[in-house]
Amino acid sequence: MKKVKIDKEKCIGCGLCVTIAEKAFKLSDEGKAEVLVVETEEESKVQEAIESCPVGAITEVEEPF
């Protein structure tokens, strides 16, 4: 199982991830991206957001069982 993470140190709050996958990401009160629940039908949009992040702040990591 993979989990999407945001590196708050790298995030510049541009909002591109929210624009691409609005059901999976939101901007916090601090202006940084946050991950919401990633639904199966959103996976391709989430992958596009990961690839489009200008600072590489979004990653997918394997979750141990």
PDB file of N, CA and C in Angstrom:
ATOM      1  N   MET A   1       0.838  -1.178   0.000  1.00  0.00           N
ATOM      2  CA  MET A   1       0.000   0.000   0.000  1.00  0.00           C
ATOM      3  C   MET A   1       0.890   1.251   0.000  1.00  0.00           C
ATOM      4  N   LYS A   2       0.582   2.223  -0.856  1.00  0.00           N
ATOM      5  CA  LYS A   2       1.364   3.445  -0.938  1.00  0.00           C
ATOM      6  C   LYS A   2       0.634   4.585  -0.251  1.00  0.00           C
ATOM      7  N   LYS A   3       1.425   5.482   0.329  1.00  0.00           N
ATOM      8  CA  LYS A   3       0.882   6.649   0.989  1.00  0.00           C
ATOM      9  C   LYS A   3       1.518   7.886   0.371  1.00  0.00           C
ATOM     10  N   VAL A   4       0.725   8.928   0.176  1.00  0.00           N
ATOM     11  CA  VAL A   4       1.218  10.173  -0.384  1.00  0.00           C
ATOM     12  C   VAL A   4       1.628  11.092   0.759  1.00  0.00           C
ATOM     13  N   LYS A   5       2.813  11.691   0.627  1.00  0.00           N
ATOM     14  CA  LYS A   5       3.321  12.597   1.659  1.00  0.00           C
ATOM     15  C   LYS A   5       3.735  13.921   1.037  1.00  0.00           C
ATOM     16  N   ILE A   6       3.634  14.974   1.828  1.00  0.00           N
ATOM     17  CA  ILE A   6       4.077  16.306   1.427  1.00  0.00           C
ATOM     18  C   ILE A   6       5.243  16.701   2.326  1.00  0.00           C
ATOM     19  N   ASP A   7       6.340  17.137   1.720  1.00  0.00           N
ATOM     20  CA  ASP A   7       7.470  17.670   2.470  1.00  0.00           C
ATOM     21  C   ASP A   7       7.187  19.157   2.697  1.00  0.00           C
ATOM     22  N   LYS A   8       6.785  19.507   3.928  1.00  0.00           N
ATOM     23  CA  LYS A   8       6.398  20.889   4.248  1.00  0.00           C
ATOM     24  C   LYS A   8       7.558  21.867   4.090  1.00  0.00           C
ATOM     25  N   GLU A   9       8.790  21.375   4.229  1.00  0.00           N
ATOM     26  CA  GLU A   9       9.960  22.239   4.061  1.00  0.00           C
ATOM     27  C   GLU A   9      10.139  22.640   2.595  1.00  0.00           C
ATOM     28  N   LYS A  10       9.818  21.724   1.691  1.00  0.00           N
ATOM     29  CA  LYS A  10       9.969  21.994   0.250  1.00  0.00           C
ATOM     30  C   LYS A  10       8.773  22.734  -0.343  1.00  0.00           C
ATOM     31  N   CYS A  11       7.585  22.473   0.194  1.00  0.00           N
ATOM     32  CA  CYS A  11       6.349  23.016  -0.381  1.00  0.00           C
ATOM     33  C   CYS A  11       6.383  24.541  -0.391  1.00  0.00           C
ATOM     34  N   ILE A  12       6.071  25.115  -1.556  1.00  0.00           N
ATOM     35  CA  ILE A  12       6.028  26.570  -1.697  1.00  0.00           C
ATOM     36  C   ILE A  12       4.587  27.091  -1.764  1.00  0.00           C
ATOM     37  N   GLY A  13       3.618  26.179  -1.659  1.00  0.00           N
ATOM     38  CA  GLY A  13       2.216  26.575  -1.628  1.00  0.00           C
ATOM     39  C   GLY A  13       1.679  27.126  -2.935  1.00  0.00           C
ATOM     40  N   CYS A  14       2.203  26.646  -4.046  1.00  0.00           N
ATOM     41  CA  CYS A  14       1.757  27.167  -5.348  1.00  0.00           C
ATOM     42  C   CYS A  14       0.331  26.729  -5.684  1.00  0.00           C
ATOM     43  N   GLY A  15      -0.135  25.618  -5.101  1.00  0.00           N
ATOM     44  CA  GLY A  15      -1.502  25.162  -5.327  1.00  0.00           C
ATOM     45  C   GLY A  15      -1.716  24.329  -6.572  1.00  0.00           C
ATOM     46  N   LEU A  16      -0.660  24.000  -7.292  1.00  0.00           N
ATOM     47  CA  LEU A  16      -0.809  23.205  -8.508  1.00  0.00           C
ATOM     48  C   LEU A  16      -1.412  21.838  -8.199  1.00  0.00           C
ATOM     49  N   CYS A  17      -0.994  21.228  -7.112  1.00  0.00           N
ATOM     50  CA  CYS A  17      -1.528  19.911  -6.744  1.00  0.00           C
ATOM     51  C   CYS A  17      -3.036  19.985  -6.484  1.00  0.00           C
ATOM     52  N   VAL A  18      -3.472  21.068  -5.848  1.00  0.00           N
ATOM     53  CA  VAL A  18      -4.901  21.253  -5.566  1.00  0.00           C
ATOM     54  C   VAL A  18      -5.667  21.435  -6.873  1.00  0.00           C
ATOM     55  N   THR A  19      -5.092  22.163  -7.803  1.00  0.00           N
ATOM     56  CA  THR A  19      -5.726  22.380  -9.098  1.00  0.00           C
ATOM     57  C   THR A  19      -5.873  21.067  -9.868  1.00  0.00           C
ATOM     58  N   ILE A  20      -4.837  20.236  -9.807  1.00  0.00           N
ATOM     59  CA  ILE A  20      -4.845  18.974 -10.553  1.00  0.00           C
ATOM     60  C   ILE A  20      -5.734  17.926  -9.883  1.00  0.00           C
ATOM     61  N   ALA A  21      -5.621  17.792  -8.575  1.00  0.00           N
ATOM     62  CA  ALA A  21      -6.352  16.740  -7.843  1.00  0.00           C
ATOM     63  C   ALA A  21      -7.024  17.341  -6.614  1.00  0.00           C
ATOM     64  N   GLU A  22      -8.079  18.095  -6.842  1.00  0.00           N
ATOM     65  CA  GLU A  22      -8.729  18.843  -5.765  1.00  0.00           C
ATOM     66  C   GLU A  22      -9.356  17.972  -4.681  1.00  0.00           C
ATOM     67  N   LYS A  23      -9.641  16.721  -4.998  1.00  0.00           N
ATOM     68  CA  LYS A  23     -10.201  15.824  -3.983  1.00  0.00           C
ATOM     69  C   LYS A  23      -9.113  15.184  -3.120  1.00  0.00           C
ATOM     70  N   ALA A  24      -7.862  15.287  -3.548  1.00  0.00           N
ATOM     71  CA  ALA A  24      -6.766  14.638  -2.839  1.00  0.00           C
ATOM     72  C   ALA A  24      -5.878  15.609  -2.064  1.00  0.00           C
ATOM     73  N   PHE A  25      -5.895  16.897  -2.430  1.00  0.00           N
ATOM     74  CA  PHE A  25      -5.031  17.878  -1.791  1.00  0.00           C
ATOM     75  C   PHE A  25      -5.803  19.132  -1.422  1.00  0.00           C
ATOM     76  N   LYS A  26      -5.315  19.839  -0.414  1.00  0.00           N
ATOM     77  CA  LYS A  26      -5.838  21.155  -0.071  1.00  0.00           C
ATOM     78  C   LYS A  26      -4.677  21.986   0.456  1.00  0.00           C
ATOM     79  N   LEU A  27      -4.858  23.306   0.493  1.00  0.00           N
ATOM     80  CA  LEU A  27      -3.860  24.175   1.089  1.00  0.00           C
ATOM     81  C   LEU A  27      -4.272  24.449   2.537  1.00  0.00           C
ATOM     82  N   SER A  28      -3.307  24.325   3.437  1.00  0.00           N
ATOM     83  CA  SER A  28      -3.555  24.562   4.857  1.00  0.00           C
ATOM     84  C   SER A  28      -3.658  26.058   5.136  1.00  0.00           C
ATOM     85  N   ASP A  29      -3.979  26.399   6.358  1.00  0.00           N
ATOM     86  CA  ASP A  29      -4.033  27.800   6.770  1.00  0.00           C
ATOM     87  C   ASP A  29      -2.665  28.466   6.646  1.00  0.00           C
ATOM     88  N   GLU A  30      -1.590  27.655   6.705  1.00  0.00           N
ATOM     89  CA  GLU A  30      -0.227  28.168   6.569  1.00  0.00           C
ATOM     90  C   GLU A  30       0.184  28.305   5.101  1.00  0.00           C
ATOM     91  N   GLY A  31      -0.711  27.905   4.189  1.00  0.00           N
ATOM     92  CA  GLY A  31      -0.422  28.013   2.763  1.00  0.00           C
ATOM     93  C   GLY A  31       0.395  26.867   2.202  1.00  0.00           C
ATOM     94  N   LYS A  32       0.465  25.759   2.932  1.00  0.00           N
ATOM     95  CA  LYS A  32       1.203  24.573   2.479  1.00  0.00           C
ATOM     96  C   LYS A  32       0.204  23.493   2.081  1.00  0.00           C
ATOM     97  N   ALA A  33       0.614  22.651   1.145  1.00  0.00           N
ATOM     98  CA  ALA A  33      -0.261  21.564   0.689  1.00  0.00           C
ATOM     99  C   ALA A  33      -0.434  20.513   1.769  1.00  0.00           C
ATOM    100  N   GLU A  34      -1.609  19.935   1.812  1.00  0.00           N
ATOM    101  CA  GLU A  34      -1.921  18.823   2.710  1.00  0.00           C
ATOM    102  C   GLU A  34      -2.607  17.745   1.894  1.00  0.00           C
ATOM    103  N   VAL A  35      -2.379  16.495   2.295  1.00  0.00           N
ATOM    104  CA  VAL A  35      -3.005  15.368   1.617  1.00  0.00           C
ATOM    105  C   VAL A  35      -4.334  15.063   2.302  1.00  0.00           C
ATOM    106  N   LEU A  36      -5.369  14.940   1.487  1.00  0.00           N
ATOM    107  CA  LEU A  36      -6.666  14.468   1.969  1.00  0.00           C
ATOM    108  C   LEU A  36      -6.718  12.972   1.692  1.00  0.00           C
ATOM    109  N   VAL A  37      -7.852  12.374   1.751  1.00  0.00           N
ATOM    110  CA  VAL A  37      -7.996  10.953   1.428  1.00  0.00           C
ATOM    111  C   VAL A  37      -7.801  10.768  -0.075  1.00  0.00           C
ATOM    112  N   VAL A  38      -6.937   9.842  -0.448  1.00  0.00           N
ATOM    113  CA  VAL A  38      -6.693   9.563  -1.867  1.00  0.00           C
ATOM    114  C   VAL A  38      -7.583   8.388  -2.273  1.00  0.00           C
ATOM    115  N   GLU A  39      -8.595   8.693  -3.047  1.00  0.00           N
ATOM    116  CA  GLU A  39      -9.513   7.668  -3.538  1.00  0.00           C
ATOM    117  C   GLU A  39      -8.915   6.990  -4.771  1.00  0.00           C
ATOM    118  N   THR A  40      -9.312   5.779  -5.014  1.00  0.00           N
ATOM    119  CA  THR A  40      -8.791   5.009  -6.137  1.00  0.00           C
ATOM    120  C   THR A  40      -8.983   5.732  -7.463  1.00  0.00           C
ATOM    121  N   GLU A  41     -10.142   6.359  -7.649  1.00  0.00           N
ATOM    122  CA  GLU A  41     -10.398   7.047  -8.917  1.00  0.00           C
ATOM    123  C   GLU A  41      -9.548   8.308  -9.080  1.00  0.00           C
ATOM    124  N   GLU A  42      -8.918   8.779  -8.017  1.00  0.00           N
ATOM    125  CA  GLU A  42      -8.068   9.965  -8.072  1.00  0.00           C
ATOM    126  C   GLU A  42      -6.594   9.626  -8.290  1.00  0.00           C
ATOM    127  N   GLU A  43      -6.231   8.354  -8.304  1.00  0.00           N
ATOM    128  CA  GLU A  43      -4.823   7.963  -8.353  1.00  0.00           C
ATOM    129  C   GLU A  43      -4.072   8.541  -9.547  1.00  0.00           C
ATOM    130  N   SER A  44      -4.688   8.573 -10.717  1.00  0.00           N
ATOM    131  CA  SER A  44      -3.979   9.109 -11.884  1.00  0.00           C
ATOM    132  C   SER A  44      -3.758  10.615 -11.739  1.00  0.00           C
ATOM    133  N   LYS A  45      -4.722  11.313 -11.162  1.00  0.00           N
ATOM    134  CA  LYS A  45      -4.567  12.750 -10.928  1.00  0.00           C
ATOM    135  C   LYS A  45      -3.499  13.012  -9.865  1.00  0.00           C
ATOM    136  N   VAL A  46      -3.448  12.166  -8.845  1.00  0.00           N
ATOM    137  CA  VAL A  46      -2.432  12.311  -7.804  1.00  0.00           C
ATOM    138  C   VAL A  46      -1.053  12.099  -8.403  1.00  0.00           C
ATOM    139  N   GLN A  47      -0.922  11.107  -9.266  1.00  0.00           N
ATOM    140  CA  GLN A  47       0.358  10.857  -9.922  1.00  0.00           C
ATOM    141  C   GLN A  47       0.765  12.059 -10.780  1.00  0.00           C
ATOM    142  N   GLU A  48      -0.189  12.657 -11.459  1.00  0.00           N
ATOM    143  CA  GLU A  48       0.088  13.854 -12.261  1.00  0.00           C
ATOM    144  C   GLU A  48       0.543  15.000 -11.353  1.00  0.00           C
ATOM    145  N   ALA A  49      -0.088  15.153 -10.202  1.00  0.00           N
ATOM    146  CA  ALA A  49       0.298  16.203  -9.255  1.00  0.00           C
ATOM    147  C   ALA A  49       1.717  15.973  -8.735  1.00  0.00           C
ATOM    148  N   ILE A  50       2.054  14.718  -8.449  1.00  0.00           N
ATOM    149  CA  ILE A  50       3.410  14.383  -7.987  1.00  0.00           C
ATOM    150  C   ILE A  50       4.429  14.788  -9.048  1.00  0.00           C
ATOM    151  N   GLU A  51       4.158  14.425 -10.282  1.00  0.00           N
ATOM    152  CA  GLU A  51       5.080  14.719 -11.381  1.00  0.00           C
ATOM    153  C   GLU A  51       5.131  16.206 -11.716  1.00  0.00           C
ATOM    154  N   SER A  52       4.066  16.946 -11.415  1.00  0.00           N
ATOM    155  CA  SER A  52       3.985  18.363 -11.766  1.00  0.00           C
ATOM    156  C   SER A  52       4.496  19.298 -10.679  1.00  0.00           C
ATOM    157  N   CYS A  53       4.677  18.820  -9.470  1.00  0.00           N
ATOM    158  CA  CYS A  53       5.116  19.684  -8.370  1.00  0.00           C
ATOM    159  C   CYS A  53       6.459  20.325  -8.729  1.00  0.00           C
ATOM    160  N   PRO A  54       6.513  21.656  -8.774  1.00  0.00           N
ATOM    161  CA  PRO A  54       7.733  22.329  -9.228  1.00  0.00           C
ATOM    162  C   PRO A  54       8.931  22.161  -8.298  1.00  0.00           C
ATOM    163  N   VAL A  55       8.685  21.781  -7.041  1.00  0.00           N
ATOM    164  CA  VAL A  55       9.796  21.622  -6.095  1.00  0.00           C
ATOM    165  C   VAL A  55       9.950  20.186  -5.603  1.00  0.00           C
ATOM    166  N   GLY A  56       9.173  19.262  -6.158  1.00  0.00           N
ATOM    167  CA  GLY A  56       9.292  17.851  -5.776  1.00  0.00           C
ATOM    168  C   GLY A  56       8.896  17.572  -4.333  1.00  0.00           C
ATOM    169  N   ALA A  57       7.916  18.319  -3.826  1.00  0.00           N
ATOM    170  CA  ALA A  57       7.515  18.175  -2.422  1.00  0.00           C
ATOM    171  C   ALA A  57       6.555  17.013  -2.167  1.00  0.00           C
ATOM    172  N   ILE A  58       5.993  16.437  -3.228  1.00  0.00           N
ATOM    173  CA  ILE A  58       5.025  15.346  -3.073  1.00  0.00           C
ATOM    174  C   ILE A  58       5.665  14.037  -3.447  1.00  0.00           C
ATOM    175  N   THR A  59       5.560  13.054  -2.565  1.00  0.00           N
ATOM    176  CA  THR A  59       6.124  11.734  -2.842  1.00  0.00           C
ATOM    177  C   THR A  59       5.141  10.648  -2.439  1.00  0.00           C
ATOM    178  N   GLU A  60       5.370   9.464  -2.992  1.00  0.00           N
ATOM    179  CA  GLU A  60       4.626   8.266  -2.591  1.00  0.00           C
ATOM    180  C   GLU A  60       5.607   7.361  -1.872  1.00  0.00           C
ATOM    181  N   VAL A  61       5.207   6.843  -0.724  1.00  0.00           N
ATOM    182  CA  VAL A  61       6.054   5.935   0.034  1.00  0.00           C
ATOM    183  C   VAL A  61       5.291   4.663   0.334  1.00  0.00           C
ATOM    184  N   GLU A  62       6.019   3.557   0.421  1.00  0.00           N
ATOM    185  CA  GLU A  62       5.406   2.278   0.765  1.00  0.00           C
ATOM    186  C   GLU A  62       5.097   2.261   2.257  1.00  0.00           C
ATOM    187  N   GLU A  63       3.900   1.872   2.599  1.00  0.00           N
ATOM    188  CA  GLU A  63       3.494   1.735   3.978  1.00  0.00           C
ATOM    189  C   GLU A  63       3.728   0.301   4.431  1.00  0.00           C
ATOM    190  N   PRO A  64       4.391   0.111   5.554  1.00  0.00           N
ATOM    191  CA  PRO A  64       4.530  -1.263   6.049  1.00  0.00           C
ATOM    192  C   PRO A  64       3.179  -1.767   6.552  1.00  0.00           C
ATOM    193  N   PHE A  65       2.994  -3.045   6.547  1.00  0.00           N
ATOM    194  CA  PHE A  65       1.705  -3.625   6.970  1.00  0.00           C
ATOM    195  C   PHE A  65       1.492  -3.473   8.422  1.00  0.00           C
TER     196      PHE A  65
END
